[in-house]
């Protein structure tokens, strides 16, 4: 395989493993977290919280989380079907 076909090592340095993400839950509600469309946050739909991912490390502290409103939730997770 040529060097051009391989992704640069720096691109893989801060990627969160999918298997790890599947094991993480919201510290408040203990429900599953969903990766945002841009991959920069883990979203708790139940708590309406977004937890940042910095340098490949999910920060699951309530102090680090930001609140998200339902409208933003729909934009952040386009595949989410919301029932009203």
Protein backbone atom coordinates (compact mmCIF):
# COMPACT_ATOMS: atom_id res chain seq x y z
CA UNK A 1 0.00 0.00 0.00
CA UNK A 2 1.38 3.40 -0.91
CA UNK A 3 1.78 6.21 1.59
CA UNK A 4 -0.84 8.20 -0.31
CA UNK A 5 -3.50 5.53 0.34
CA UNK A 6 -2.94 5.58 4.11
CA UNK A 7 -4.57 8.30 6.20
CA UNK A 8 -2.05 10.51 7.96
CA UNK A 9 -1.22 9.39 11.51
CA UNK A 10 -2.32 12.75 12.91
CA UNK A 11 -5.81 12.26 11.46
CA UNK A 12 -6.22 9.05 13.48
CA UNK A 13 -4.73 10.39 16.68
CA UNK A 14 -7.88 11.90 18.14
CA UNK A 15 -10.57 9.54 16.88
CA UNK A 16 -12.85 7.95 19.46
CA UNK A 17 -13.30 4.21 19.02
CA UNK A 18 -16.88 3.29 18.04
CA UNK A 19 -16.91 0.32 20.45
CA UNK A 20 -15.99 2.69 23.27
CA UNK A 21 -18.78 5.07 22.31
CA UNK A 22 -21.31 2.24 22.44
CA UNK A 23 -20.45 1.64 26.11
CA UNK A 24 -20.78 5.26 27.25
CA UNK A 25 -23.98 6.57 28.82
CA UNK A 26 -25.19 9.95 29.98
CA UNK A 27 -24.01 10.56 33.56
CA UNK A 28 -27.36 12.17 34.42
CA UNK A 29 -29.95 9.85 32.84
CA UNK A 30 -27.85 6.70 32.23
CA UNK A 31 -29.25 6.56 28.69
CA UNK A 32 -27.29 5.93 25.49
CA UNK A 33 -25.35 8.79 23.96
CA UNK A 34 -25.37 9.61 20.25
CA UNK A 35 -22.46 11.00 18.28
CA UNK A 36 -23.25 14.39 16.73
CA UNK A 37 -23.23 14.75 12.95
CA UNK A 38 -19.86 16.51 13.01
CA UNK A 39 -18.37 14.06 15.55
CA UNK A 40 -17.44 16.76 18.05
CA UNK A 41 -19.98 15.95 20.77
CA UNK A 42 -21.91 13.13 22.39
CA UNK A 43 -25.59 13.96 22.69
CA UNK A 44 -27.96 12.85 25.44
CA UNK A 45 -31.40 13.11 23.86
CA UNK A 46 -33.11 12.36 27.19
CA UNK A 47 -31.27 15.09 29.10
CA UNK A 48 -30.95 17.57 26.20
CA UNK A 49 -27.22 17.81 26.89
CA UNK A 50 -24.19 17.81 24.59
CA UNK A 51 -20.89 16.53 25.98
CA UNK A 52 -17.76 17.68 24.13
CA UNK A 53 -15.13 15.37 22.69
CA UNK A 54 -11.69 16.94 22.98
CA UNK A 55 -8.61 15.35 21.46
CA UNK A 56 -10.53 12.06 21.18
CA UNK A 57 -11.62 12.06 24.83
CA UNK A 58 -15.34 12.35 25.66
CA UNK A 59 -15.79 14.74 28.59
CA UNK A 60 -18.80 13.33 30.43
CA UNK A 61 -18.83 15.85 33.24
CA UNK A 62 -22.03 17.83 33.79
CA UNK A 63 -19.78 20.88 34.21
CA UNK A 64 -18.51 20.40 30.64
CA UNK A 65 -21.94 19.72 29.10
CA UNK A 66 -24.02 22.32 27.37
CA UNK A 67 -27.79 22.37 27.17
CA UNK A 68 -29.38 21.99 23.76
CA UNK A 69 -32.92 22.89 22.81
CA UNK A 70 -35.16 20.51 20.83
CA UNK A 71 -34.72 22.51 17.61
CA UNK A 72 -30.93 22.28 17.82
CA UNK A 73 -31.26 18.61 18.72
CA UNK A 74 -33.00 18.03 15.39
CA UNK A 75 -30.23 19.84 13.50
CA UNK A 76 -27.41 18.11 15.40
CA UNK A 77 -28.91 14.64 14.95
CA UNK A 78 -30.64 14.75 11.56
CA UNK A 79 -31.53 11.05 11.68
CA UNK A 80 -33.46 11.48 14.91
CA UNK A 81 -37.19 11.09 14.49
CA UNK A 82 -38.89 13.20 17.12
CA UNK A 83 -42.44 12.41 18.15
CA UNK A 84 -44.39 15.36 19.50
